[in-house]
Protein backbone atom coordinates (compact mmCIF):
# COMPACT_ATOMS: atom_id res chain seq x y z
CA MET A 1 3.00 39.21 -45.47
CA SER A 2 -0.46 37.65 -45.19
CA HIS A 3 0.94 34.25 -46.21
CA ALA A 4 3.71 34.56 -43.66
CA ALA A 5 1.22 35.54 -40.99
CA GLU A 6 -1.00 32.59 -41.90
CA ALA A 7 1.99 30.27 -41.83
CA GLY A 8 3.05 31.61 -38.48
CA HIS A 9 -0.48 31.31 -37.16
CA GLY A 10 -0.72 27.77 -38.54
CA GLY A 11 2.58 26.86 -36.87
CA THR A 12 1.24 28.16 -33.57
CA LEU A 13 -1.88 26.06 -33.92
CA MET A 14 0.22 22.98 -34.69
CA ASP A 15 2.40 23.60 -31.63
CA THR A 16 -0.68 24.06 -29.47
CA GLY A 17 -2.21 20.88 -30.83
CA ALA A 18 1.02 18.96 -30.22
CA SER A 19 1.15 20.18 -26.65
CA HIS A 20 -2.31 18.72 -26.03
CA ASP A 21 -1.17 15.25 -27.19
CA ARG A 22 0.34 14.75 -23.73
CA ARG A 23 -1.74 14.60 -20.59
CA LEU A 24 -1.10 17.24 -17.97
CA LEU A 25 0.42 15.97 -14.74
CA PRO A 26 -0.71 17.24 -11.35
CA ASP A 27 1.25 20.24 -10.16
CA ARG A 28 4.05 20.00 -7.62
CA GLN A 29 1.63 19.88 -4.71
CA LEU A 30 0.08 16.46 -4.21
CA ASP A 31 -3.48 16.90 -5.48
CA LEU A 32 -5.75 13.88 -5.23
CA GLY A 33 -9.10 15.56 -5.26
CA GLN A 34 -10.01 16.34 -8.85
CA PRO A 35 -12.82 14.63 -10.78
CA GLY A 36 -12.18 11.08 -11.92
CA MET A 37 -12.65 7.52 -10.68
CA LEU A 38 -13.75 7.59 -7.01
CA GLY A 39 -13.05 11.32 -6.93
CA LEU A 40 -9.36 10.86 -7.80
CA ARG A 41 -7.40 12.28 -10.67
CA HIS A 42 -6.97 9.92 -13.60
CA GLU A 43 -3.23 9.46 -12.87
CA TRP A 44 -3.79 8.50 -9.25
CA ALA A 45 -6.61 6.12 -10.08
CA ILE A 46 -4.36 4.23 -12.51
CA LEU A 47 -1.51 4.12 -10.00
CA PHE A 48 -3.64 2.78 -7.14
CA GLN A 49 -5.22 0.19 -9.45
CA CYS A 50 -1.74 -1.00 -10.48
CA VAL A 51 -0.59 -1.20 -6.86
CA PHE A 52 -3.71 -3.15 -5.86
CA PHE A 53 -3.25 -5.61 -8.75
CA LEU A 54 0.45 -6.10 -7.93
CA LEU A 55 -0.36 -6.75 -4.27
CA LEU A 56 -2.88 -9.41 -5.31
CA LEU A 57 -0.32 -10.94 -7.68
CA ASP A 58 2.27 -11.05 -4.93
CA PHE A 59 -0.10 -12.45 -2.31
CA PHE A 60 -1.86 -15.14 -4.34
CA VAL A 61 0.77 -16.16 -6.92
CA LEU A 62 4.34 -15.12 -6.20
CA ARG A 63 4.33 -16.10 -2.56
CA LYS A 64 4.01 -19.74 -3.70
CA VAL A 65 7.38 -19.53 -5.48
CA ARG A 66 9.96 -21.70 -3.80
CA SER A 67 12.31 -19.74 -1.56
CA ASN A 68 15.90 -19.97 -2.78
CA LEU A 69 18.55 -17.54 -3.97
CA ARG A 70 17.99 -18.19 -7.68
CA ASN A 71 14.25 -17.54 -7.44
CA HIS A 72 14.81 -14.41 -5.38
CA VAL A 73 17.13 -13.02 -8.06
CA ALA A 74 14.53 -13.87 -10.72
CA LEU A 75 11.77 -12.15 -8.74
CA THR A 76 13.90 -9.06 -8.27
CA ILE A 77 14.46 -8.84 -12.02
CA PHE A 78 10.73 -9.41 -12.60
CA TRP A 79 9.73 -6.52 -10.32
CA ILE A 80 12.32 -4.23 -11.89
CA CYS A 81 10.83 -5.05 -15.30
CA ILE A 82 7.36 -4.20 -13.94
CA GLY A 83 8.73 -0.85 -12.84
CA MET A 84 10.22 -0.22 -16.28
CA LEU A 85 6.87 -1.04 -17.91
CA TYR A 86 5.25 1.63 -15.74
CA ASN A 87 8.03 3.98 -16.82
CA VAL A 88 7.07 3.27 -20.45
CA HIS A 89 3.48 4.17 -19.49
CA ILE A 90 4.73 7.49 -18.09
CA TRP A 91 6.72 8.10 -21.29
CA TYR A 92 3.68 7.40 -23.49
CA LEU A 93 1.33 9.67 -21.55
CA TYR A 94 3.57 12.50 -20.40
CA GLY A 95 6.63 12.50 -22.62
CA PRO A 96 10.34 11.65 -22.31
CA ASP A 97 11.18 14.40 -19.80
CA GLN A 98 8.81 13.05 -17.16
CA ALA A 99 9.90 9.48 -17.95
CA ILE A 100 13.53 10.44 -17.27
CA TYR A 101 12.48 12.07 -13.99
CA TRP A 102 10.57 8.88 -13.09
CA PHE A 103 13.57 6.66 -13.85
CA SER A 104 15.79 8.97 -11.78
CA GLY A 105 13.35 8.68 -8.87
CA PHE A 106 13.26 4.89 -9.22
CA THR A 107 17.07 4.68 -9.22
CA LEU A 108 17.38 7.13 -6.32
CA GLU A 109 14.95 5.08 -4.25
CA TRP A 110 17.11 1.99 -4.84
CA MET A 111 20.26 3.84 -3.79
CA LEU A 112 18.69 5.32 -0.67
CA SER A 113 16.97 2.07 0.37
CA MET A 114 19.95 -0.28 0.38
CA ASP A 115 20.54 0.58 4.03
CA ASN A 116 16.91 -0.39 4.77
CA LEU A 117 17.54 -3.88 3.42
CA VAL A 118 20.57 -4.36 5.63
CA VAL A 119 18.76 -3.16 8.76
CA PHE A 120 15.71 -5.29 7.93
CA SER A 121 17.95 -8.34 7.63
CA LEU A 122 19.46 -7.56 11.02
CA ILE A 123 15.99 -7.27 12.57
CA MET A 124 14.86 -10.58 11.05
CA THR A 125 18.02 -12.28 12.29
CA THR A 126 17.99 -10.71 15.76
CA TYR A 127 14.39 -11.70 16.46
CA ARG A 128 14.73 -15.09 14.74
CA VAL A 129 11.72 -14.68 12.47
CA PRO A 130 10.81 -18.11 11.00
CA ALA A 131 11.29 -18.39 7.24
CA CYS A 132 7.59 -19.16 6.73
CA LEU A 133 6.65 -15.80 8.27
CA THR A 134 9.26 -13.59 6.59
CA ARG A 135 7.23 -13.12 3.40
CA LYS A 136 4.11 -12.20 5.36
CA ALA A 137 5.99 -9.64 7.44
CA LEU A 138 7.37 -7.96 4.34
CA PHE A 139 4.03 -8.10 2.52
CA VAL A 140 2.36 -6.22 5.36
CA GLY A 141 5.38 -3.93 5.33
CA ILE A 142 4.75 -3.07 1.65
CA VAL A 143 1.16 -2.06 2.37
CA GLY A 144 2.30 0.06 5.28
CA CYS A 145 5.05 1.63 3.18
CA VAL A 146 2.63 2.62 0.39
CA VAL A 147 0.25 4.29 2.84
CA MET A 148 3.00 5.84 4.95
CA ARG A 149 4.89 7.34 2.01
CA LEU A 150 1.65 8.88 0.76
CA GLY A 151 1.20 10.46 4.17
CA PHE A 152 4.79 11.71 4.03
CA PHE A 153 4.19 13.49 0.75
CA LEU A 154 0.93 14.99 2.06
CA ALA A 155 2.49 16.29 5.28
CA LEU A 156 6.02 16.82 4.03
CA GLU A 157 6.60 20.32 5.39
CA ASN A 158 5.54 19.48 8.96
CA ILE A 159 7.55 16.24 8.99
CA LEU A 160 10.77 17.79 7.75
CA LYS A 161 10.73 20.32 10.60
CA HIS A 162 11.67 17.48 12.97
CA GLU A 163 13.83 15.51 10.55
CA LYS A 164 17.19 16.25 12.21
CA ILE A 165 16.01 15.29 15.68
CA LEU A 166 14.57 12.00 14.43
CA GLN A 167 17.71 11.25 12.41
CA VAL A 168 19.96 11.70 15.45
CA CYS A 169 17.75 9.43 17.58
CA MET A 170 17.63 6.78 14.84
CA GLY A 171 21.40 7.05 14.36
CA ILE A 172 22.05 6.34 18.04
CA VAL A 173 19.71 3.34 17.97
CA LEU A 174 21.39 1.91 14.86
CA MET A 175 24.88 2.35 16.29
CA ALA A 176 23.85 0.51 19.45
CA SER A 177 22.08 -2.23 17.45
CA GLY A 178 25.07 -2.72 15.16
CA GLY A 179 27.50 -2.96 18.06
CA HIS A 180 25.24 -5.38 19.94
CA ALA A 181 24.80 -7.62 16.89
CA MET A 182 28.53 -7.66 16.19
CA PHE A 183 29.50 -8.94 19.63
CA GLU A 184 26.43 -11.03 20.41
CA ASP A 185 26.76 -14.80 20.60
CA ASP A 186 24.51 -16.60 18.11
CA ASN A 187 23.20 -18.97 20.77
CA GLU A 188 23.01 -16.43 23.57
CA GLY A 189 19.58 -16.03 25.20
CA ASP A 190 16.15 -16.19 23.69
CA VAL A 191 14.34 -13.74 21.48
CA VAL A 192 11.87 -12.83 24.24
CA ASP A 193 14.75 -11.81 26.52
CA THR A 194 15.76 -8.83 24.38
CA TYR A 195 15.29 -5.38 25.88
CA VAL A 196 12.86 -4.18 23.20
CA VAL A 197 10.61 -7.22 23.59
CA ARG A 198 10.59 -6.83 27.37
CA ALA A 199 9.69 -3.14 27.01
CA THR A 200 6.87 -4.01 24.60
CA LYS A 201 5.67 -6.72 26.98
CA ALA A 202 5.57 -4.16 29.79
CA CYS A 203 3.33 -1.91 27.64
CA LEU A 204 0.98 -4.56 26.27
CA GLY A 205 1.00 -6.95 29.20
CA SER A 206 -0.83 -10.20 28.47
CA ARG A 207 -1.89 -8.90 25.05
CA LEU A 208 1.54 -9.86 23.63
CA GLU A 209 2.03 -13.55 22.97
CA GLN A 210 5.71 -14.39 23.42
CA ARG A 211 5.95 -16.66 20.39
CA TYR A 212 5.40 -16.87 16.64
CA ASP A 213 2.39 -18.68 15.24
CA THR A 214 4.23 -21.01 12.88
CA GLU A 215 1.27 -23.38 12.40
CA THR A 216 -1.38 -21.03 10.96
CA CYS A 217 0.93 -18.00 10.37
CA ARG A 218 -1.53 -15.60 11.98
CA LEU A 219 -0.75 -12.16 13.36
CA PHE A 220 -3.18 -12.54 16.26
CA VAL A 221 -4.18 -15.65 18.19
CA TYR A 222 -7.28 -16.19 20.32
CA GLN A 223 -6.39 -17.55 23.71
CA ASP A 224 -8.01 -17.43 27.17
CA GLY A 225 -11.00 -15.50 25.88
CA LYS A 226 -9.10 -12.65 24.20
CA TYR A 227 -7.00 -11.91 21.14
CA ARG A 228 -3.26 -11.62 21.60
CA ALA A 229 -0.64 -10.21 19.26
CA THR A 230 2.14 -12.61 18.30
CA LEU A 231 5.78 -11.63 18.02
CA LEU A 232 5.24 -11.20 14.28
CA VAL A 233 3.12 -8.10 14.99
CA PHE A 234 5.98 -6.73 17.06
CA VAL A 235 8.49 -7.38 14.26
CA ILE A 236 6.21 -5.74 11.66
CA LEU A 237 5.86 -2.64 13.85
CA LEU A 238 9.64 -2.55 14.24
CA LEU A 239 10.09 -2.77 10.46
CA GLU A 240 7.56 0.02 9.91
CA ILE A 241 9.22 2.29 12.47
CA THR A 242 12.61 1.65 10.87
CA ASP A 243 11.22 2.39 7.41
CA LEU A 244 9.59 5.53 8.81
CA MET A 245 12.94 6.87 9.99
CA PHE A 246 14.74 6.09 6.74
CA ALA A 247 11.87 7.48 4.66
CA LEU A 248 12.57 10.95 6.03
CA ASP A 249 15.85 11.01 4.17
CA SER A 250 14.63 9.42 0.94
CA VAL A 251 11.44 11.49 0.65
CA SER A 252 13.23 14.79 1.17
CA ALA A 253 15.94 13.80 -1.33
CA LYS A 254 13.39 12.75 -3.94
CA ILE A 255 11.38 15.93 -3.59
CA ALA A 256 14.57 17.89 -4.24
CA ALA A 257 15.55 15.75 -7.25
CA VAL A 258 12.15 15.12 -8.87
CA PRO A 259 10.05 18.26 -9.49
CA ASN A 260 6.63 16.58 -9.65
CA GLN A 261 5.34 14.77 -6.57
CA PHE A 262 3.22 12.33 -8.55
CA ILE A 263 6.34 11.17 -10.42
CA ALA A 264 8.29 11.02 -7.16
CA TYR A 265 5.64 9.02 -5.31
CA SER A 266 4.82 6.58 -8.12
CA SER A 267 8.51 5.80 -8.68
CA THR A 268 8.89 5.17 -4.94
CA VAL A 269 5.96 2.75 -4.84
CA MET A 270 7.15 0.76 -7.85
CA ALA A 271 10.68 0.57 -6.45
CA VAL A 272 9.40 -0.83 -3.15
CA PHE A 273 8.18 -4.04 -4.82
CA SER A 274 11.59 -4.80 -6.34
CA LEU A 275 13.37 -3.82 -3.12
CA ARG A 276 11.27 -6.31 -1.18
CA ALA A 277 12.45 -9.09 -3.51
CA ALA A 278 16.04 -7.82 -3.21
CA PHE A 279 15.78 -8.12 0.58
CA PHE A 280 15.62 -11.90 0.29
CA ILE A 281 18.88 -11.90 -1.68
CA VAL A 282 20.62 -9.93 1.07
CA HIS A 283 19.04 -12.06 3.80
CA ASP A 284 19.94 -15.34 2.06
CA LEU A 285 23.57 -14.28 1.73
CA VAL A 286 23.72 -13.30 5.40
CA GLN A 287 22.24 -16.66 6.44
CA GLN A 288 24.52 -18.71 4.19
CA ILE A 289 27.77 -16.85 4.83
CA GLU A 290 28.42 -16.56 8.56
CA VAL A 291 31.05 -13.82 8.32
CA LEU A 292 28.48 -11.53 6.67
CA LYS A 293 26.77 -11.24 10.05
CA TYR A 294 29.64 -9.06 11.22
CA GLY A 295 29.69 -7.16 7.96
CA VAL A 296 25.97 -6.36 8.25
CA ALA A 297 26.43 -5.28 11.86
CA PHE A 298 29.25 -2.95 10.80
CA ILE A 299 27.14 -1.49 7.98
CA VAL A 300 24.24 -0.85 10.37
CA ALA A 301 26.57 0.94 12.79
CA TYR A 302 28.00 2.98 9.90
CA ILE A 303 24.49 3.95 8.79
CA GLY A 304 23.85 5.23 12.31
CA VAL A 305 27.00 7.35 12.20
CA GLN A 306 26.03 8.61 8.75
CA LEU A 307 22.56 9.65 9.91
CA ILE A 308 24.05 11.69 12.74
CA LEU A 309 26.73 13.29 10.55
CA SER A 310 24.20 14.16 7.83
CA THR A 311 22.43 16.51 10.25
CA PHE A 312 25.54 18.68 10.42
CA ARG A 313 27.07 18.36 6.96
CA TYR A 314 26.30 16.92 3.54
CA VAL A 315 26.92 13.19 3.12
CA PRO A 316 26.71 11.85 -0.48
CA GLU A 317 23.80 9.48 -1.15
CA TRP A 318 26.10 6.96 -2.79
CA SER A 319 28.33 6.60 0.28
CA THR A 320 26.11 3.95 1.88
CA CYS A 321 26.08 1.88 -1.30
CA ALA A 322 29.85 2.21 -1.65
CA VAL A 323 30.58 1.23 1.97
CA SER A 324 28.03 -1.61 1.90
CA GLY A 325 29.47 -3.01 -1.33
CA LEU A 326 33.03 -2.76 -0.03
CA VAL A 327 32.19 -4.46 3.29
CA ILE A 328 30.23 -7.27 1.61
CA LEU A 329 33.05 -7.81 -0.91
CA THR A 330 35.59 -7.94 1.93
CA CYS A 331 33.47 -10.51 3.79
CA LEU A 332 33.16 -12.67 0.68
CA MET A 333 36.91 -12.51 0.08
CA ALA A 334 37.57 -13.39 3.72
CA ARG A 335 35.31 -16.41 3.44
CA CYS A 336 37.13 -17.59 0.32
CA CYS A 337 40.56 -17.12 1.92
CA VAL A 338 39.75 -18.96 5.17
CA PRO A 339 40.09 -22.74 4.76
CA SER A 340 36.92 -24.82 5.23
CA LYS A 341 38.44 -26.65 8.21
CA ALA A 342 39.09 -23.37 9.99
CA ARG A 343 35.51 -22.25 9.35
CA SER A 344 34.11 -25.49 10.75
CA ASN A 345 36.21 -25.14 13.89
């Protein structure tokens, strides 16, 4: 009996020791304020260091990569591999269960963010953002996304109280934008004549410069004794507002699917880098294949309908990916079927 008791006691000690081989994650509530580097928990310190390093890598190195479809595909694969390396880090520190949750959050963020890419492409096309400024707009968008998503997780309960109202408003705006883009002439009017730009001009007055700074690529220009915001600032704000609306859906879905908020947030942040690279693939295809303009406009209008319907009944997360893939495939088939002479005419 004594040997059995000792064996049982020894087994308990071994199990306890094994359990301490893995670090303990923060609990479900987002807790940043425990001892560690700069007053942060060890996990958050590592995450923010990784994000800072990746932002520097993107700003100083990767932005010099030549802009073409092949390089954009390569960069997308590169960022996905970076995300998987971080997933290996999660596996090593916290075990396979948390690593599976992290991978699920990463995949879910991709599924829920495909509509963002389509809407972003429509915004860039509608406001005729120069190619030299597109990278800068999205880089600033990444920084804003990282900070904004953190705020979402911190104030999740208060935000979700108004989720349905915001979704309906955003749905109406997207339906109107999709319809306008579908029937708008490519050469009709100027970018400063759009309703949103005129409304912004009415609010900011002379503080809004009605042009892009394509020479020095600055957000603000100094003119007539004061600083003025260029149209790029307006576009960045529009991208952030759009991401804010879509983040309501993705954050609430991820909290429901991923039990730990640190895993949910870190998988979101790592997915954003690869999604930014994937945007250029979508945008390149839209620019090169004219018929995709109408497909993107239809998808945007469908996303608006989906946002409104989702406030009344459940809409599967994969429906946007399925509809987007089907529409894009249809557009590509239509382009292949139409003779080149007909397209030129």
